[in-house]
Amino acid sequence: MNTVTDLLEVLLLDKKEDFFIGKSETVGSLNVFGGQVLAQSLNAAYRTITNGRILHSLHSYFLEPGDLNKSIRYIVNETRDGGSFSTRRVTAVQGEKTIFILAASFHKIEFGYEHYRKIQRTITPPEKLTSWSELAEKNGKLMPFKLKSFLSVERPIEFKPTNILNLSSNNDLPPIMDVWFKLKGDLPKMEIQVKHQILTYISDYNVLNAAFNPNAKEYNFGNSMTASLDHSMWFFRDFDFDDWMLFSAESPNAY
């Protein structure tokens, strides 16, 4: 995958009689990317929402690693359709093994109070930063093989981190990770349901680095194993992918 069109093809599931089927694309790891399972599960859930309600939150657990060479079956339980909210539970299965479960809540479109907290710190703009692919090309000789291979994979998203962990120094960093991202290719007109799926896919990238930063003297890409165990998201308002967007993660505690 190297454009948003490729990504949309992966996220769109095939509908069967009482379940959905999805295929997998690697992002550089040996197992199915967690963001893909998240987004495909959301695609399945949204396909059963027929009253125009919009996702406001999701909560999920990764139970088993997914096999890249096997299709994934998504089974949707239409748990509730109330006066204002709808709830769906999605189970992702490979063979006889449940690899993932998702609970998602959808709300009819309403308007009320709103606020948001502005980011107080200064963040380097994306135009002054280096992308993942550029990092692999420029600093490949300094990187562990696994890291270079991961950063060199073609993706439908361009990432530009504001700081680089453990390449030029071995200093601990603040427990914050700011990464700019932008979709590649020509952007089609997208309904909010599709934008939710793409953002959910992207959300499983980068988040762990915030926890690694304050432990940089000990951590490196080659001495640690990472896995997503659970994942929750809340959605507050509509948005567009027309320009660079900021993914900002903070890790107040790790143990």
Protein backbone atom coordinates (compact mmCIF):
# COMPACT_ATOMS: atom_id res chain seq x y z
CA MET A 1 0.00 0.00 0.00
CA ASN A 2 1.30 3.45 -0.82
CA THR A 3 -1.80 5.65 -1.31
CA VAL A 4 -5.04 6.32 0.52
CA THR A 5 -6.87 4.49 -2.29
CA ASP A 6 -4.91 1.33 -1.46
CA LEU A 7 -5.78 1.74 2.20
CA LEU A 8 -9.49 2.15 1.49
CA GLU A 9 -9.46 -1.08 -0.51
CA VAL A 10 -8.03 -2.94 2.49
CA LEU A 11 -10.51 -1.41 4.95
CA LEU A 12 -13.58 -2.22 2.84
CA LEU A 13 -14.77 -5.69 3.86
CA ASP A 14 -16.58 -8.26 1.75
CA LYS A 15 -20.13 -8.90 3.01
CA LYS A 16 -21.19 -12.52 3.41
CA GLU A 17 -24.49 -13.89 4.70
CA ASP A 18 -24.02 -13.06 8.38
CA PHE A 19 -20.41 -11.85 8.65
CA PHE A 20 -17.73 -9.85 6.86
CA ILE A 21 -14.35 -10.94 5.43
CA GLY A 22 -11.16 -8.86 5.40
CA LYS A 23 -7.71 -9.26 3.89
CA SER A 24 -4.42 -8.12 5.41
CA GLU A 25 -1.45 -6.03 4.28
CA THR A 26 1.84 -5.92 6.17
CA VAL A 27 3.18 -2.71 7.70
CA GLY A 28 6.60 -4.25 8.32
CA SER A 29 5.81 -6.62 11.19
CA LEU A 30 5.32 -10.40 11.12
CA ASN A 31 1.73 -10.20 12.37
CA VAL A 32 -1.40 -8.36 11.28
CA PHE A 33 -1.19 -4.65 12.16
CA GLY A 34 -3.50 -3.82 15.06
CA GLY A 35 -4.71 -0.62 13.41
CA GLN A 36 -5.92 -2.66 10.44
CA VAL A 37 -8.02 -4.97 12.64
CA LEU A 38 -9.39 -1.95 14.51
CA ALA A 39 -10.40 -0.15 11.32
CA GLN A 40 -11.82 -3.24 9.63
CA SER A 41 -13.88 -4.02 12.73
CA LEU A 42 -15.20 -0.47 12.63
CA ASN A 43 -16.06 -0.91 8.94
CA ALA A 44 -18.08 -4.01 9.86
CA ALA A 45 -19.85 -2.21 12.71
CA TYR A 46 -20.70 0.84 10.60
CA ARG A 47 -22.17 -1.41 7.88
CA THR A 48 -24.89 -2.44 10.35
CA ILE A 49 -25.79 1.15 11.34
CA THR A 50 -28.75 2.11 9.18
CA ASN A 51 -30.09 5.13 11.08
CA GLY A 52 -27.30 7.63 10.30
CA ARG A 53 -25.73 7.54 13.74
CA ILE A 54 -22.06 8.47 14.11
CA LEU A 55 -19.34 6.80 16.14
CA HIS A 56 -18.45 8.54 19.39
CA SER A 57 -16.30 5.91 21.14
CA LEU A 58 -14.75 2.48 20.78
CA HIS A 59 -13.06 0.10 23.20
CA SER A 60 -11.19 -3.03 22.17
CA TYR A 61 -8.88 -5.86 23.18
CA PHE A 62 -6.25 -7.67 21.13
CA LEU A 63 -6.40 -11.33 22.19
CA GLU A 64 -4.12 -13.19 19.76
CA PRO A 65 -1.65 -12.17 17.02
CA GLY A 66 -3.21 -12.16 13.56
CA ASP A 67 -1.82 -14.29 10.73
CA LEU A 68 -1.05 -12.21 7.62
CA ASN A 69 -1.69 -15.20 5.35
CA LYS A 70 -5.24 -15.89 6.56
CA SER A 71 -8.39 -13.88 5.98
CA ILE A 72 -10.18 -12.43 9.01
CA ARG A 73 -13.87 -13.04 9.69
CA TYR A 74 -15.73 -10.21 11.42
CA ILE A 75 -18.96 -11.05 13.22
CA VAL A 76 -21.17 -8.16 14.34
CA ASN A 77 -23.58 -8.37 17.25
CA GLU A 78 -26.19 -5.62 17.02
CA THR A 79 -26.32 -5.16 20.78
CA ARG A 80 -28.64 -2.19 21.06
CA ASP A 81 -30.51 0.45 19.09
CA GLY A 82 -31.99 2.93 21.56
CA GLY A 83 -33.59 6.33 21.20
CA SER A 84 -30.26 8.15 20.77
CA PHE A 85 -27.50 5.54 20.88
CA SER A 86 -26.62 2.33 19.05
CA THR A 87 -24.10 -0.21 20.31
CA ARG A 88 -22.25 -2.85 18.31
CA ARG A 89 -19.92 -5.65 19.38
CA VAL A 90 -17.52 -7.03 16.77
CA THR A 91 -15.53 -10.26 17.06
CA ALA A 92 -12.59 -10.88 14.71
CA VAL A 93 -11.84 -14.55 14.06
CA GLN A 94 -9.17 -16.51 12.15
CA GLY A 95 -10.03 -20.19 11.82
CA GLU A 96 -11.42 -21.14 15.23
CA LYS A 97 -9.39 -18.49 17.08
CA THR A 98 -10.80 -15.17 18.28
CA ILE A 99 -8.03 -12.61 17.81
CA PHE A 100 -9.81 -9.35 18.68
CA ILE A 101 -13.02 -7.91 20.15
CA LEU A 102 -14.46 -4.41 19.75
CA ALA A 103 -17.30 -2.52 21.39
CA ALA A 104 -18.42 0.63 19.59
CA SER A 105 -21.10 3.19 20.45
CA PHE A 106 -22.85 5.40 17.89
CA HIS A 107 -24.92 8.51 18.59
CA LYS A 108 -27.47 10.44 16.57
CA ILE A 109 -26.17 13.80 15.40
CA GLU A 110 -26.90 16.44 18.05
CA PHE A 111 -25.33 19.76 19.03
CA GLY A 112 -24.60 21.04 22.54
CA TYR A 113 -21.81 22.41 24.70
CA GLU A 114 -18.26 22.13 23.42
CA HIS A 115 -14.72 23.08 24.42
CA TYR A 116 -11.17 21.92 23.85
CA ARG A 117 -7.82 22.51 25.53
CA LYS A 118 -5.12 24.09 23.35
CA ILE A 119 -1.64 22.56 23.26
CA GLN A 120 0.61 24.81 25.34
CA ARG A 121 4.05 23.75 24.10
CA THR A 122 5.79 24.75 20.87
CA ILE A 123 5.78 22.01 18.24
CA THR A 124 8.08 22.03 15.22
CA PRO A 125 6.03 22.33 12.00
CA PRO A 126 6.13 19.42 9.54
CA GLU A 127 7.89 21.44 6.83
CA LYS A 128 11.03 21.48 9.01
CA LEU A 129 10.99 17.75 9.81
CA THR A 130 12.19 14.54 8.19
CA SER A 131 9.81 11.73 7.23
CA TRP A 132 10.19 8.07 8.12
CA SER A 133 11.20 7.12 4.61
CA GLU A 134 13.76 9.96 4.46
CA LEU A 135 15.18 8.85 7.82
CA ALA A 136 15.67 5.31 6.54
CA GLU A 137 17.41 6.62 3.43
CA LYS A 138 19.68 9.12 5.22
CA ASN A 139 20.46 7.23 8.42
CA GLY A 140 20.02 3.62 7.36
CA LYS A 141 23.64 2.72 8.13
CA LEU A 142 23.19 3.84 11.74
CA MET A 143 19.97 1.93 12.30
CA PRO A 144 19.36 -1.65 13.43
CA PHE A 145 18.27 -3.75 10.47
CA LYS A 146 14.75 -4.29 11.91
CA LEU A 147 14.20 -0.56 12.34
CA LYS A 148 15.43 0.31 8.86
CA SER A 149 13.24 -2.42 7.34
CA PHE A 150 10.20 -1.15 9.24
CA LEU A 151 10.71 2.49 8.23
CA SER A 152 11.34 1.53 4.58
CA VAL A 153 7.97 -0.18 4.05
CA GLU A 154 5.65 1.60 1.62
CA ARG A 155 2.70 3.12 3.48
CA PRO A 156 -0.37 5.17 2.58
CA ILE A 157 0.58 7.64 5.33
CA GLU A 158 3.61 9.93 5.62
CA PHE A 159 4.88 10.32 9.19
CA LYS A 160 7.16 13.09 10.47
CA PRO A 161 8.16 12.78 14.15
CA THR A 162 9.32 15.89 16.00
CA ASN A 163 12.11 13.97 17.74
CA ILE A 164 14.03 10.82 16.86
CA LEU A 165 14.54 8.23 19.54
CA ASN A 166 18.00 6.76 20.08
CA LEU A 167 19.60 7.50 16.71
CA SER A 168 22.14 10.24 17.41
CA SER A 169 22.19 10.09 21.23
CA ASN A 170 21.37 7.87 24.14
CA ASN A 171 19.64 10.46 26.30
CA ASP A 172 16.29 9.99 27.98
CA LEU A 173 13.57 12.19 26.52
CA PRO A 174 10.30 13.61 27.90
CA PRO A 175 7.37 11.13 27.93
CA ILE A 176 5.76 12.81 24.92
CA MET A 177 5.61 11.84 21.26
CA ASP A 178 4.47 14.34 18.64
CA VAL A 179 4.15 13.03 15.09
CA TRP A 180 2.75 14.83 12.07
CA PHE A 181 0.97 12.66 9.52
CA LYS A 182 -0.59 13.09 6.10
CA LEU A 183 -2.33 10.75 3.69
CA LYS A 184 -0.58 9.99 0.40
CA GLY A 185 -2.18 10.18 -3.02
CA ASP A 186 -5.25 11.98 -4.32
CA LEU A 187 -7.88 12.29 -1.59
CA PRO A 188 -11.37 11.20 -2.59
CA LYS A 189 -14.39 12.86 -1.04
CA MET A 190 -14.97 10.97 2.20
CA GLU A 191 -17.96 10.72 4.50
CA ILE A 192 -17.25 10.98 8.22
CA GLN A 193 -17.75 7.22 8.61
CA VAL A 194 -14.79 6.57 6.29
CA LYS A 195 -12.66 9.24 7.96
CA HIS A 196 -13.29 7.54 11.30
CA GLN A 197 -12.00 4.25 9.90
CA ILE A 198 -8.83 5.82 8.47
CA LEU A 199 -8.08 7.73 11.68
CA THR A 200 -8.62 4.55 13.70
CA TYR A 201 -6.15 2.74 11.44
CA ILE A 202 -3.53 5.46 11.92
CA SER A 203 -4.06 5.66 15.70
CA ASP A 204 -2.20 2.38 16.37
CA TYR A 205 1.04 3.86 15.02
CA ASN A 206 3.52 5.76 17.24
CA VAL A 207 1.66 5.68 20.55
CA LEU A 208 4.16 3.43 22.37
CA ASN A 209 7.08 5.74 21.67
CA ALA A 210 5.83 8.15 24.32
CA ALA A 211 6.50 5.42 26.92
CA PHE A 212 9.90 4.56 25.46
CA ASN A 213 11.20 8.13 25.39
CA PRO A 214 11.90 8.47 29.14
CA ASN A 215 13.62 5.06 29.04
CA ALA A 216 15.79 5.73 25.99
CA LYS A 217 19.04 4.87 27.75
CA GLU A 218 17.86 1.26 28.04
CA TYR A 219 15.40 0.90 25.16
CA ASN A 220 16.20 0.27 21.53
CA PHE A 221 14.30 -1.24 18.63
CA GLY A 222 16.24 -4.49 18.84
CA ASN A 223 16.00 -5.34 22.55
CA SER A 224 12.24 -4.93 23.07
CA MET A 225 9.06 -6.63 21.90
CA THR A 226 5.92 -4.55 21.49
CA ALA A 227 2.27 -5.50 21.12
CA SER A 228 -1.05 -3.74 21.38
CA LEU A 229 -3.17 -5.17 24.22
CA ASP A 230 -6.12 -2.82 24.29
CA HIS A 231 -7.19 0.33 22.48
CA SER A 232 -9.82 2.99 23.16
CA MET A 233 -10.78 6.11 21.23
CA TRP A 234 -13.24 8.98 21.56
CA PHE A 235 -14.46 11.07 18.62
CA PHE A 236 -15.68 14.61 19.18
CA ARG A 237 -16.11 16.47 15.90
CA ASP A 238 -15.73 16.22 12.14
CA PHE A 239 -12.34 16.83 10.51
CA ASP A 240 -10.52 16.68 7.18
CA PHE A 241 -7.33 15.03 5.98
CA ASP A 242 -6.50 17.86 3.55
CA ASP A 243 -3.36 18.97 5.41
CA TRP A 244 -0.86 17.67 7.95
CA MET A 245 -2.43 16.49 11.21
CA LEU A 246 -0.75 16.09 14.59
CA PHE A 247 -0.73 12.88 16.61
CA SER A 248 0.30 13.81 20.16
CA ALA A 249 0.80 11.06 22.76
CA GLU A 250 1.73 11.40 26.44
CA SER A 251 2.79 8.64 28.83
CA PRO A 252 2.24 9.73 32.46
CA ASN A 253 3.18 6.30 33.82
CA ALA A 254 4.87 3.08 32.74
CA TYR A 255 5.62 -0.07 34.70
